[in-house]
Amino acid sequence: MITVLALGSALFVAGTPLRTVFTLLGGLGAISAGTLAAAGGGRRLLTAFAETLARSAAGGR
């Protein structure tokens, strides 16, 4: 968690727009959640996560 905070802070200080920082950090969180779900054998959770991600991507555009 500290690494994510440090990365976000460093990107902000370097002049990266906040929208880009939040998008990147959100993507990292999604990857982490997917990895944990897959490693735990939670197929139902992984399926729900994938459906939510697909709906979010379709609705945001």
Protein backbone atom coordinates (compact mmCIF):
# COMPACT_ATOMS: atom_id res chain seq x y z
CA MET A 1 0.00 0.00 0.00
CA ILE A 2 2.83 2.38 0.79
CA THR A 3 4.30 1.73 -2.64
CA VAL A 4 1.05 2.81 -4.31
CA LEU A 5 0.94 5.99 -2.26
CA ALA A 6 4.58 6.73 -3.04
CA LEU A 7 4.03 6.11 -6.76
CA GLY A 8 0.98 8.37 -6.85
CA SER A 9 2.79 11.12 -4.97
CA ALA A 10 5.86 10.89 -7.18
CA LEU A 11 3.78 11.08 -10.35
CA PHE A 12 1.87 14.10 -9.02
CA VAL A 13 5.08 15.91 -8.02
CA ALA A 14 6.51 15.14 -11.46
CA GLY A 15 3.59 17.03 -13.01
CA THR A 16 1.41 14.15 -14.16
CA PRO A 17 -2.27 15.18 -14.36
CA LEU A 18 -4.39 13.83 -11.49
CA ARG A 19 -6.76 12.03 -13.86
CA THR A 20 -3.83 10.02 -15.23
CA VAL A 21 -2.50 9.26 -11.75
CA PHE A 22 -5.91 8.03 -10.57
CA THR A 23 -6.40 5.95 -13.72
CA LEU A 24 -3.02 4.29 -13.28
CA LEU A 25 -3.55 3.60 -9.58
CA GLY A 26 -7.05 2.28 -10.25
CA GLY A 27 -5.65 -0.08 -12.85
CA LEU A 28 -3.06 -1.32 -10.39
CA GLY A 29 -5.80 -1.98 -7.85
CA ALA A 30 -7.86 -3.88 -10.41
CA ILE A 31 -4.89 -6.04 -11.35
CA SER A 32 -4.21 -6.76 -7.69
CA ALA A 33 -7.83 -7.70 -7.01
CA GLY A 34 -7.92 -9.98 -10.05
CA THR A 35 -4.68 -11.67 -9.05
CA LEU A 36 -5.90 -12.29 -5.52
CA ALA A 37 -9.20 -13.68 -6.78
CA ALA A 38 -7.48 -16.00 -9.24
CA ALA A 39 -4.91 -17.19 -6.71
CA GLY A 40 -7.63 -17.93 -4.17
CA GLY A 41 -9.52 -20.05 -6.66
CA GLY A 42 -12.54 -17.76 -6.41
CA ARG A 43 -14.02 -18.34 -9.84
CA ARG A 44 -17.32 -16.77 -8.89
CA LEU A 45 -15.57 -13.66 -7.56
CA LEU A 46 -13.32 -13.48 -10.61
CA THR A 47 -16.34 -13.76 -12.92
CA ALA A 48 -18.18 -11.01 -11.06
CA PHE A 49 -15.07 -8.84 -11.21
CA ALA A 50 -14.68 -9.38 -14.96
CA GLU A 51 -18.35 -8.56 -15.58
CA THR A 52 -18.12 -5.39 -13.52
CA LEU A 53 -14.95 -4.35 -15.33
CA ALA A 54 -16.58 -4.96 -18.73
CA ARG A 55 -19.70 -3.00 -17.78
CA SER A 56 -17.59 -0.15 -16.43
CA ALA A 57 -15.52 0.00 -19.61
CA ALA A 58 -18.61 -0.08 -21.84
CA GLY A 59 -20.49 2.56 -19.84
CA GLY A 60 -17.57 4.95 -19.57
CA ARG A 61 -17.21 5.50 -23.29
